Amino acid sequence: MSDDEPDDLQETGSLKKAEPDGISAGSDPGEEQAPPAHEAVTFWKLLVFFVPLGIAASLVTMSHSIINSTLARAPDPEHVIAGYAIAMSLLGITEKPAVLLRQTCSALVRDRVSFRAMRRVAFYVFASIMAAGLILSYLPPGKWLMGAVFGIGGAQLENVLNVYRILMFVSLFSGLRCLYHGLIIYNKRTFWLTIGMVVRLVGMYLVAQYYIRVHGVTGSSVGAIIFLVGMVIESAVAVWEGSALLKHKIPEKNPEHTVEKTGDVFRFYKPLLFSSFIAVVIGPSLNALLGKAGDAVIAIAAFAIASNLTQLVQSFFSYIHQIVLNFYRIHPGRVKRFVLVISFIPSVLIGLLAYTDAGPWFLNEVIGVGDRLMEEVIRTLRVFMILTLVFPWLDYGNGILMLRRETRTMVYSQSANVTVMLVSLVLLIVITPGWNGAIGAFAQSVGTLAECIVVFAAVKRGGGEALVSGSAPREKSV
């Protein structure tokens, strides 16, 4: 993730020069200003900034593959992998507040004063995550909750708890890397995210080989240890580069920048947090209601495989909001054209799997799917093409809202997503239960479409002419 000239930032005491690409360091997102005359936001510059972000996001899948292939060497692999997977699903919830620090830092930090405010917020987030982890792992209410939610008990419950006692530290280091990722991304040195991810994978592979060849894979906790080591390595790379930027590139104080206190950060961060927790119900709801489809087993399996493939493709394009945050004020027209070009790529890739011989070959030879399930997976992938068309523009619209600090809208848009998805699920289960996995794909797609409509209604209301004319949108208070 990198700009095409990542070292073009000049070390100087001047506040203006300390900011990348000629943007005044303290100019608020959404503040009306003309693009700098010397700025050249070319397609190549956007691509070189964006591609490393996409590569890093895609490499995450490889890190999980290293862990799963290692756990598969255990004497009882089904039990071991299941215990790790359940603990990871819990981590997916408790890690969300930490991951959101990346967008928040990228959008708000323009000097060391605002970074110190951001760092204090991060400390509160880390403390909350650790407190929740300790309660879930060691106190009776936490054990009861995990047993009730995941329906496990006895030895497997203790196994999951042991795994999560390690994974809760993954949240801590994940938040630390995201905090410094925000600095790195805003300074357009995004290639450091790819570097961090590659080093993380090397470290995880070496630890995995130690357990496979020397120690032996004895339980689910091995997966958690591999993951933790990888996250520590990635966060170390992020902190190293981010600290260098703080020391050499970022000014102490920009008098024009308004973010100075933790309250300024929380006003932006809290709506992001609330909307992410609303989204938590999507996965469980889909799986629960698909269990009432015409062929529940086929429906859940087809949806799971098609959903994973879709997410794998979309992960590369999940940083479009960062393109908006970093380049929209300079040249909104070029940003929009760039998104227009890349927005069709996920649909083309899924379409190749859904409508050409590449799909059956991949599902059969690589994933090992049989004919009956393969037919359902392909049908589900065809429906998921709706989602792949909508998602890039949803991320684009969310980027504009973050640029204007209108993150409160995301609470309403995410609520619309969940509401429409649930209504669609129930109606399709009643009317067309034979659609099986395609029911989940359609419900998730129209839910995302509803979210996108709400986001763009807010974008239009806040200054839709900016999307066409190239004038910078004016900031709204949250």
Protein backbone atom coordinates (compact mmCIF):
# COMPACT_ATOMS: atom_id res chain seq x y z
CA MET A 1 0.00 0.00 0.00
CA SER A 2 1.92 2.81 -1.23
CA ASP A 3 2.03 6.00 -3.11
CA ASP A 4 4.13 5.91 -6.26
CA GLU A 5 6.65 8.19 -4.57
CA PRO A 6 6.39 7.24 -0.90
CA ASP A 7 9.48 9.20 0.09
CA ASP A 8 8.41 12.51 -1.37
CA LEU A 9 7.41 13.90 2.02
CA GLN A 10 9.86 16.56 3.02
CA GLU A 11 11.30 16.67 6.51
CA THR A 12 10.79 20.22 7.65
CA GLY A 13 9.38 22.29 10.42
CA SER A 14 6.85 23.76 8.05
CA LEU A 15 3.36 22.52 8.81
CA LYS A 16 2.38 22.58 5.18
CA LYS A 17 5.34 20.59 3.92
CA ALA A 18 4.90 18.00 6.64
CA GLU A 19 1.65 16.98 5.00
CA PRO A 20 1.70 14.54 2.07
CA ASP A 21 0.84 15.63 -1.44
CA GLY A 22 0.52 19.30 -0.65
CA ILE A 23 -2.54 18.99 1.59
CA SER A 24 -2.50 21.37 4.48
CA ALA A 25 -1.89 19.26 7.55
CA GLY A 26 -4.67 20.83 9.52
CA SER A 27 -7.35 21.22 6.90
CA ASP A 28 -10.45 19.48 8.14
CA PRO A 29 -11.99 16.73 6.05
CA GLY A 30 -14.76 18.23 4.00
CA GLU A 31 -13.50 21.81 4.29
CA GLU A 32 -13.97 23.55 0.96
CA GLN A 33 -10.71 24.23 -0.79
CA ALA A 34 -9.33 24.11 -4.30
CA PRO A 35 -7.06 21.25 -5.26
CA PRO A 36 -3.40 22.27 -5.11
CA ALA A 37 -2.17 23.44 -8.49
CA HIS A 38 0.89 21.17 -8.41
CA GLU A 39 -0.98 18.06 -7.37
CA ALA A 40 -1.18 15.27 -9.91
CA VAL A 41 -3.67 12.60 -8.89
CA THR A 42 -3.13 10.16 -11.73
CA PHE A 43 -4.65 6.74 -12.19
CA TRP A 44 -1.19 5.27 -11.63
CA LYS A 45 -0.77 7.13 -8.32
CA LEU A 46 -4.15 5.88 -7.11
CA LEU A 47 -3.33 2.35 -8.24
CA VAL A 48 0.07 2.28 -6.53
CA PHE A 49 -1.52 3.59 -3.33
CA PHE A 50 -4.39 1.08 -3.49
CA VAL A 51 -2.85 -2.19 -4.71
CA PRO A 52 -0.61 -2.79 -1.66
CA LEU A 53 -3.65 -2.30 0.58
CA GLY A 54 -5.53 -4.91 -1.41
CA ILE A 55 -2.60 -7.33 -1.34
CA ALA A 56 -2.31 -7.04 2.43
CA ALA A 57 -6.04 -7.66 2.86
CA SER A 58 -5.89 -10.71 0.59
CA LEU A 59 -2.86 -12.17 2.39
CA VAL A 60 -4.92 -12.44 5.58
CA THR A 61 -6.53 -15.52 4.05
CA MET A 62 -3.10 -17.12 3.74
CA SER A 63 -2.38 -16.54 7.42
CA HIS A 64 -5.49 -18.50 8.38
CA SER A 65 -4.56 -21.23 5.93
CA ILE A 66 -1.21 -21.65 7.71
CA ILE A 67 -3.00 -22.11 11.02
CA ASN A 68 -5.66 -24.52 9.72
CA SER A 69 -3.13 -26.67 7.88
CA THR A 70 -1.06 -26.86 11.08
CA LEU A 71 -4.02 -27.83 13.26
CA ALA A 72 -4.95 -30.50 10.73
CA ARG A 73 -1.80 -32.37 11.88
CA ALA A 74 -3.24 -32.85 15.38
CA PRO A 75 -4.21 -36.36 16.55
CA ASP A 76 -7.87 -35.28 16.71
CA PRO A 77 -8.02 -32.57 14.01
CA GLU A 78 -11.81 -32.16 13.96
CA HIS A 79 -11.94 -31.43 17.68
CA VAL A 80 -8.88 -29.19 17.57
CA ILE A 81 -9.98 -27.14 14.55
CA ALA A 82 -13.52 -26.77 15.92
CA GLY A 83 -12.24 -25.44 19.23
CA TYR A 84 -10.02 -22.91 17.48
CA ALA A 85 -12.81 -21.86 15.09
CA ILE A 86 -15.26 -21.19 17.93
CA ALA A 87 -12.71 -19.09 19.81
CA MET A 88 -11.96 -17.18 16.58
CA SER A 89 -15.63 -16.39 16.08
CA LEU A 90 -15.63 -14.80 19.52
CA LEU A 91 -12.45 -12.90 18.65
CA GLY A 92 -14.21 -11.56 15.57
CA ILE A 93 -16.60 -9.74 17.90
CA THR A 94 -14.19 -8.49 20.56
CA GLU A 95 -11.57 -7.40 18.00
CA LYS A 96 -13.92 -5.06 16.11
CA PRO A 97 -13.35 -2.02 18.36
CA ALA A 98 -9.59 -2.37 17.82
CA VAL A 99 -9.78 -2.67 14.02
CA LEU A 100 -11.86 0.52 13.76
CA LEU A 101 -8.88 2.50 15.08
CA ARG A 102 -7.35 2.29 11.58
CA GLN A 103 -10.09 4.32 9.87
CA THR A 104 -10.36 6.69 12.81
CA CYS A 105 -6.66 7.48 12.91
CA SER A 106 -6.42 7.84 9.13
CA ALA A 107 -9.31 10.30 9.10
CA LEU A 108 -8.48 12.41 12.18
CA VAL A 109 -4.76 12.46 12.94
CA ARG A 110 -2.93 15.36 11.30
CA ASP A 111 -0.43 16.34 14.02
CA ARG A 112 1.06 14.95 17.21
CA VAL A 113 -1.56 16.63 19.38
CA SER A 114 -4.38 14.81 17.56
CA PHE A 115 -2.36 11.58 17.67
CA ARG A 116 -2.03 11.84 21.45
CA ALA A 117 -5.81 12.22 21.69
CA MET A 118 -6.17 9.22 19.38
CA ARG A 119 -3.71 7.23 21.49
CA ARG A 120 -5.73 7.92 24.66
CA VAL A 121 -8.86 6.65 22.95
CA ALA A 122 -6.91 3.57 21.87
CA PHE A 123 -5.87 2.98 25.48
CA TYR A 124 -9.52 3.02 26.58
CA VAL A 125 -10.38 0.59 23.77
CA PHE A 126 -7.55 -1.77 24.71
CA ALA A 127 -8.50 -1.67 28.38
CA SER A 128 -12.12 -2.47 27.54
CA ILE A 129 -11.14 -5.36 25.29
CA MET A 130 -8.87 -6.87 27.93
CA ALA A 131 -11.51 -6.44 30.64
CA ALA A 132 -14.10 -8.18 28.45
CA GLY A 133 -11.61 -10.93 27.66
CA LEU A 134 -10.82 -11.57 31.31
CA ILE A 135 -14.52 -11.70 32.18
CA LEU A 136 -15.29 -14.12 29.35
CA SER A 137 -12.27 -16.31 30.08
CA TYR A 138 -12.14 -16.56 33.84
CA LEU A 139 -15.43 -15.53 35.48
CA PRO A 140 -18.56 -17.71 35.71
CA PRO A 141 -20.85 -15.30 33.77
CA GLY A 142 -18.43 -15.38 30.87
CA LYS A 143 -18.22 -19.15 30.86
CA TRP A 144 -22.00 -19.40 31.02
CA LEU A 145 -22.40 -16.94 28.14
CA MET A 146 -19.95 -18.79 25.92
CA GLY A 147 -21.66 -22.07 26.67
CA ALA A 148 -25.10 -20.61 25.94
CA VAL A 149 -24.10 -18.83 22.73
CA PHE A 150 -22.03 -21.61 21.17
CA GLY A 151 -23.85 -24.57 22.71
CA ILE A 152 -20.73 -26.26 24.02
CA GLY A 153 -19.76 -27.57 27.39
CA GLY A 154 -17.40 -29.81 29.28
CA ALA A 155 -13.94 -30.36 27.85
CA GLN A 156 -14.64 -28.47 24.63
CA LEU A 157 -15.76 -25.38 26.56
CA GLU A 158 -12.53 -25.42 28.56
CA ASN A 159 -10.60 -25.93 25.33
CA VAL A 160 -12.26 -22.88 23.74
CA LEU A 161 -11.61 -20.80 26.85
CA ASN A 162 -7.93 -21.74 26.81
CA VAL A 163 -7.69 -20.68 23.17
CA TYR A 164 -9.46 -17.37 23.77
CA ARG A 165 -7.19 -16.57 26.73
CA ILE A 166 -4.43 -16.33 24.14
CA LEU A 167 -6.50 -14.76 21.38
CA MET A 168 -7.58 -11.82 23.54
CA PHE A 169 -3.98 -10.59 23.35
CA VAL A 170 -4.29 -10.80 19.55
CA SER A 171 -6.96 -8.07 19.85
CA LEU A 172 -4.52 -5.90 21.77
CA PHE A 173 -1.75 -6.12 19.18
CA SER A 174 -4.25 -5.92 16.32
CA GLY A 175 -5.47 -2.59 17.69
CA LEU A 176 -1.91 -1.36 18.10
CA ARG A 177 -1.04 -2.10 14.45
CA CYS A 178 -4.30 -0.51 13.25
CA LEU A 179 -3.54 2.66 15.23
CA TYR A 180 -0.22 3.07 13.42
CA HIS A 181 -1.65 1.82 10.13
CA GLY A 182 -3.80 4.95 10.15
CA LEU A 183 -0.66 7.12 10.24
CA ILE A 184 1.04 5.06 7.55
CA ILE A 185 -1.93 5.11 5.19
CA TYR A 186 -2.53 8.86 5.52
CA ASN A 187 1.12 9.50 4.74
CA LYS A 188 0.68 7.34 1.62
CA ARG A 189 3.32 4.79 2.61
CA THR A 190 0.90 1.93 2.22
CA PHE A 191 3.53 -0.51 1.00
CA TRP A 192 4.47 -0.88 4.68
CA LEU A 193 1.16 -2.70 5.25
CA THR A 194 2.17 -5.28 2.65
CA ILE A 195 5.66 -5.55 4.16
CA GLY A 196 4.17 -6.06 7.63
CA MET A 197 1.81 -8.73 6.33
CA VAL A 198 4.57 -10.62 4.49
CA VAL A 199 6.85 -10.59 7.55
CA ARG A 200 3.90 -11.74 9.65
CA LEU A 201 3.32 -14.70 7.32
CA VAL A 202 7.00 -15.68 7.46
CA GLY A 203 6.94 -15.60 11.26
CA MET A 204 3.73 -17.62 11.43
CA TYR A 205 5.10 -20.21 9.01
CA LEU A 206 8.28 -20.65 11.06
CA VAL A 207 6.32 -21.08 14.30
CA ALA A 208 4.00 -23.54 12.56
CA GLN A 209 6.97 -25.56 11.35
CA TYR A 210 8.35 -25.64 14.89
CA TYR A 211 5.14 -27.21 16.17
CA ILE A 212 4.88 -29.62 13.24
CA ARG A 213 8.49 -30.81 13.25
CA VAL A 214 9.68 -30.34 16.85
CA HIS A 215 7.02 -29.85 19.49
CA GLY A 216 4.00 -31.52 17.93
CA VAL A 217 0.49 -30.13 17.44
CA THR A 218 -1.15 -30.99 20.73
CA GLY A 219 -4.27 -28.81 20.83
CA SER A 220 -6.27 -25.82 19.62
CA SER A 221 -4.05 -23.41 21.55
CA VAL A 222 -1.29 -24.00 19.00
CA GLY A 223 -3.34 -22.09 16.43
CA ALA A 224 -3.81 -19.19 18.85
CA ILE A 225 -0.07 -19.05 19.59
CA ILE A 226 0.79 -18.97 15.86
CA PHE A 227 -1.75 -16.20 15.30
CA LEU A 228 -0.50 -14.17 18.27
CA VAL A 229 3.13 -14.38 17.13
CA GLY A 230 2.12 -13.21 13.66
CA MET A 231 0.12 -10.28 15.02
CA VAL A 232 2.97 -9.22 17.33
CA ILE A 233 5.33 -9.18 14.34
CA GLU A 234 2.94 -7.18 12.16
CA SER A 235 2.23 -4.66 14.91
CA ALA A 236 5.97 -4.24 15.53
CA VAL A 237 6.50 -3.31 11.87
CA ALA A 238 3.59 -0.85 11.99
CA VAL A 239 4.79 0.77 15.24
CA TRP A 240 8.34 1.08 13.89
CA GLU A 241 7.31 2.85 10.69
CA GLY A 242 4.52 4.86 12.35
CA SER A 243 6.86 6.12 15.08
CA ALA A 244 9.34 7.24 12.42
CA LEU A 245 6.57 9.22 10.72
CA LEU A 246 5.61 10.84 14.01
CA LYS A 247 9.21 11.84 14.62
CA HIS A 248 10.13 13.11 11.17
CA LYS A 249 7.01 13.84 9.11
CA ILE A 250 4.16 14.88 11.38
CA PRO A 251 4.14 18.35 13.00
CA GLU A 252 3.60 18.91 16.70
CA LYS A 253 0.58 21.13 16.18
CA ASN A 254 -1.29 22.47 13.22
CA PRO A 255 -3.29 25.49 14.41
CA GLU A 256 -5.97 24.87 11.78
CA HIS A 257 -6.65 21.28 12.86
CA THR A 258 -9.52 20.98 15.33
CA VAL A 259 -8.99 17.47 16.73
CA GLU A 260 -7.24 17.96 20.06
CA LYS A 261 -9.15 16.03 22.75
CA THR A 262 -10.43 12.52 23.24
CA GLY A 263 -13.99 13.82 22.89
CA ASP A 264 -13.20 14.95 19.33
CA VAL A 265 -12.08 11.41 18.50
CA PHE A 266 -14.96 9.68 20.27
CA ARG A 267 -17.53 11.69 18.29
CA PHE A 268 -16.14 10.09 15.14
CA TYR A 269 -15.33 6.66 16.59
CA LYS A 270 -18.47 5.77 18.55
CA PRO A 271 -20.87 5.64 15.57
CA LEU A 272 -18.41 3.36 13.76
CA LEU A 273 -18.37 1.11 16.81
CA PHE A 274 -22.16 1.01 17.15
CA SER A 275 -22.65 0.23 13.46
CA SER A 276 -20.09 -2.60 13.59
CA PHE A 277 -21.89 -4.22 16.51
CA ILE A 278 -25.20 -3.98 14.65
CA ALA A 279 -23.55 -5.90 11.81
CA VAL A 280 -22.60 -8.72 14.21
CA VAL A 281 -26.12 -10.20 13.93
CA ILE A 282 -25.81 -10.76 10.18
CA GLY A 283 -23.75 -13.97 10.25
CA PRO A 284 -25.69 -15.83 12.97
CA SER A 285 -29.03 -14.76 11.47
CA LEU A 286 -28.11 -16.03 8.03
CA ASN A 287 -26.99 -19.43 9.31
CA ALA A 288 -29.95 -19.80 11.66
CA LEU A 289 -32.59 -19.04 9.04
CA LEU A 290 -30.87 -21.01 6.28
CA GLY A 291 -31.36 -23.99 8.58
CA LYS A 292 -35.05 -23.74 7.64
CA ALA A 293 -34.45 -23.85 3.87
CA GLY A 294 -35.64 -26.70 1.68
CA ASP A 295 -32.38 -28.62 2.09
CA ALA A 296 -30.79 -27.10 5.17
CA VAL A 297 -27.46 -28.90 4.95
CA ILE A 298 -26.94 -28.07 1.28
CA ALA A 299 -28.15 -24.49 1.84
CA ILE A 300 -25.72 -23.77 4.67
CA ALA A 301 -22.79 -25.49 2.96
CA ALA A 302 -23.38 -23.80 -0.42
CA PHE A 303 -23.79 -20.41 1.20
CA ALA A 304 -20.64 -20.86 3.31
CA ILE A 305 -18.47 -21.80 0.31
CA ALA A 306 -19.89 -19.12 -2.00
CA SER A 307 -19.68 -16.50 0.74
CA ASN A 308 -16.04 -17.33 1.47
CA LEU A 309 -15.12 -17.08 -2.21
CA THR A 310 -16.96 -13.77 -2.52
CA GLN A 311 -15.26 -12.37 0.56
CA LEU A 312 -11.89 -13.53 -0.73
CA VAL A 313 -12.43 -11.56 -3.94
CA GLN A 314 -13.91 -8.52 -2.19
CA SER A 315 -11.18 -8.33 0.44
CA PHE A 316 -8.82 -6.89 -2.16
CA PHE A 317 -11.25 -4.02 -2.72
CA SER A 318 -12.10 -3.30 0.93
CA TYR A 319 -9.90 -0.19 1.17
CA ILE A 320 -11.70 2.03 -1.33
CA HIS A 321 -12.69 4.29 1.58
CA GLN A 322 -8.98 5.02 2.09
CA ILE A 323 -8.71 6.22 -1.50
CA VAL A 324 -11.53 8.66 -0.70
CA LEU A 325 -10.01 9.77 2.60
CA ASN A 326 -6.62 10.49 1.07
CA PHE A 327 -7.40 11.81 -2.43
CA TYR A 328 -11.03 12.94 -2.68
CA ARG A 329 -10.44 16.50 -1.50
CA ILE A 330 -7.59 16.89 -3.99
CA HIS A 331 -9.36 15.56 -7.08
CA PRO A 332 -12.83 14.01 -6.49
CA GLY A 333 -13.43 13.47 -10.20
CA ARG A 334 -10.34 11.30 -10.61
CA VAL A 335 -11.21 9.32 -7.49
CA LYS A 336 -14.70 8.63 -8.78
CA ARG A 337 -13.38 7.52 -12.18
CA PHE A 338 -10.84 5.24 -10.49
CA VAL A 339 -13.56 3.60 -8.39
CA LEU A 340 -15.74 3.26 -11.50
CA VAL A 341 -12.96 1.32 -13.25
CA ILE A 342 -12.09 -1.05 -10.40
CA SER A 343 -15.64 -1.51 -9.09
CA PHE A 344 -16.48 -4.07 -11.80
CA ILE A 345 -13.47 -6.30 -11.17
CA PRO A 346 -15.01 -8.29 -8.24
CA SER A 347 -18.13 -9.02 -10.33
CA VAL A 348 -16.02 -10.10 -13.30
CA LEU A 349 -14.02 -12.50 -11.13
CA ILE A 350 -17.11 -13.99 -9.49
CA GLY A 351 -18.78 -14.14 -12.91
CA LEU A 352 -15.89 -16.23 -14.24
CA LEU A 353 -16.53 -18.76 -11.48
CA ALA A 354 -20.30 -18.64 -11.88
CA TYR A 355 -20.66 -18.72 -15.67
CA THR A 356 -17.56 -20.37 -17.14
CA ASP A 357 -15.87 -23.75 -16.89
CA ALA A 358 -13.37 -22.20 -14.48
CA GLY A 359 -15.97 -22.40 -11.71
CA PRO A 360 -16.68 -26.15 -11.79
CA TRP A 361 -12.97 -26.90 -12.25
CA PHE A 362 -11.97 -24.73 -9.27
CA LEU A 363 -14.73 -26.04 -7.01
CA ASN A 364 -13.97 -29.64 -7.88
CA GLU A 365 -10.17 -29.68 -8.12
CA VAL A 366 -9.20 -27.04 -5.54
CA ILE A 367 -12.00 -27.11 -2.97
CA GLY A 368 -13.17 -30.68 -3.54
CA VAL A 369 -16.89 -29.96 -3.92
CA GLY A 370 -19.13 -32.71 -5.31
CA ASP A 371 -21.60 -32.31 -8.18
CA ARG A 372 -24.77 -31.70 -6.12
CA LEU A 373 -23.17 -29.12 -3.86
CA MET A 374 -21.26 -27.59 -6.78
CA GLU A 375 -24.52 -26.80 -8.57
CA GLU A 376 -25.84 -24.97 -5.51
CA VAL A 377 -22.58 -23.10 -4.96
CA ILE A 378 -22.56 -21.84 -8.56
CA ARG A 379 -26.18 -20.72 -8.29
CA THR A 380 -25.36 -18.91 -5.05
CA LEU A 381 -22.31 -17.23 -6.62
CA ARG A 382 -24.49 -15.88 -9.43
CA VAL A 383 -26.69 -14.15 -6.88
CA PHE A 384 -23.65 -12.84 -4.99
CA MET A 385 -22.72 -10.84 -8.09
CA ILE A 386 -25.28 -8.28 -6.89
CA LEU A 387 -23.26 -7.83 -3.71
CA THR A 388 -19.97 -7.48 -5.60
CA LEU A 389 -21.48 -4.70 -7.73
CA VAL A 390 -22.80 -2.79 -4.72
CA PHE A 391 -19.98 -3.18 -2.20
CA PRO A 392 -17.30 -0.99 -3.86
CA TRP A 393 -19.73 1.93 -4.05
CA LEU A 394 -20.84 1.39 -0.48
CA ASP A 395 -17.21 1.65 0.63
CA TYR A 396 -16.82 4.75 -1.56
CA GLY A 397 -19.86 6.39 0.04
CA ASN A 398 -18.69 5.47 3.53
CA GLY A 399 -15.34 7.07 2.71
CA ILE A 400 -17.10 10.36 1.91
CA LEU A 401 -19.05 10.17 5.18
CA MET A 402 -15.83 9.57 7.11
CA LEU A 403 -14.19 12.45 5.26
CA ARG A 404 -17.02 14.72 6.42
CA ARG A 405 -17.03 13.12 9.90
CA GLU A 406 -20.65 12.09 9.42
CA THR A 407 -20.12 8.62 10.83
CA ARG A 408 -23.43 8.76 12.69
CA THR A 409 -25.13 7.99 9.38
CA MET A 410 -23.45 4.59 9.37
CA VAL A 411 -25.54 3.52 12.35
CA TYR A 412 -28.71 4.12 10.32
CA SER A 413 -27.32 2.58 7.14
CA GLN A 414 -26.18 -0.56 8.94
CA SER A 415 -29.57 -0.80 10.66
CA ALA A 416 -31.22 -0.62 7.23
CA ASN A 417 -28.94 -3.41 6.03
CA VAL A 418 -29.84 -5.74 8.90
CA THR A 419 -33.57 -4.95 8.71
CA VAL A 420 -33.87 -5.53 4.96
CA MET A 421 -31.72 -8.64 5.15
CA LEU A 422 -33.83 -10.22 7.90
CA VAL A 423 -37.12 -9.40 6.18
CA SER A 424 -35.80 -10.81 2.88
CA LEU A 425 -34.57 -13.96 4.59
CA VAL A 426 -37.92 -14.67 6.23
CA LEU A 427 -39.91 -13.97 3.06
CA LEU A 428 -37.69 -16.12 0.85
CA ILE A 429 -37.66 -19.00 3.33
CA VAL A 430 -41.47 -18.97 3.25
CA ILE A 431 -41.96 -18.33 -0.48
CA THR A 432 -39.00 -20.06 -2.17
CA PRO A 433 -37.31 -22.47 0.29
CA GLY A 434 -35.88 -24.42 -2.66
CA TRP A 435 -33.46 -21.59 -3.44
CA ASN A 436 -31.30 -22.97 -0.61
CA GLY A 437 -27.96 -21.08 -0.39
CA ALA A 438 -29.10 -18.47 -2.91
CA ILE A 439 -31.58 -17.26 -0.27
CA GLY A 440 -28.73 -16.10 1.94
CA ALA A 441 -26.86 -14.55 -0.99
CA PHE A 442 -29.91 -12.58 -2.12
CA ALA A 443 -30.80 -11.44 1.39
CA GLN A 444 -27.24 -10.29 2.10
CA SER A 445 -27.06 -8.54 -1.27
CA VAL A 446 -30.30 -6.58 -0.94
CA GLY A 447 -29.38 -5.70 2.64
CA THR A 448 -26.10 -4.25 1.41
CA LEU A 449 -27.98 -2.43 -1.36
CA ALA A 450 -30.31 -0.87 1.24
CA GLU A 451 -27.27 0.23 3.25
CA CYS A 452 -25.75 1.78 0.12
CA ILE A 453 -28.96 3.68 -0.65
CA VAL A 454 -29.03 5.21 2.84
CA VAL A 455 -25.35 6.16 2.59
CA PHE A 456 -25.74 7.87 -0.78
CA ALA A 457 -28.89 9.64 0.35
CA ALA A 458 -26.79 11.14 3.15
CA VAL A 459 -23.97 11.95 0.71
CA LYS A 460 -26.43 13.70 -1.62
CA ARG A 461 -28.07 15.57 1.23
CA GLY A 462 -24.72 16.77 2.50
CA GLY A 463 -23.54 18.07 -0.87
CA GLY A 464 -24.19 15.68 -3.70
CA GLU A 465 -23.05 18.23 -6.25
CA ALA A 466 -19.50 17.53 -5.06
CA LEU A 467 -19.68 14.08 -6.60
CA VAL A 468 -20.21 15.57 -10.03
CA SER A 469 -18.57 18.94 -10.06
CA GLY A 470 -15.46 18.07 -8.12
CA SER A 471 -16.01 20.71 -5.45
CA ALA A 472 -15.04 19.55 -2.03
CA PRO A 473 -17.92 18.73 0.32
CA ARG A 474 -18.36 20.91 3.34
CA GLU A 475 -17.87 19.23 6.71
CA LYS A 476 -20.86 18.41 8.86
CA SER A 477 -20.69 18.23 12.62
CA VAL A 478 -21.53 14.94 14.27
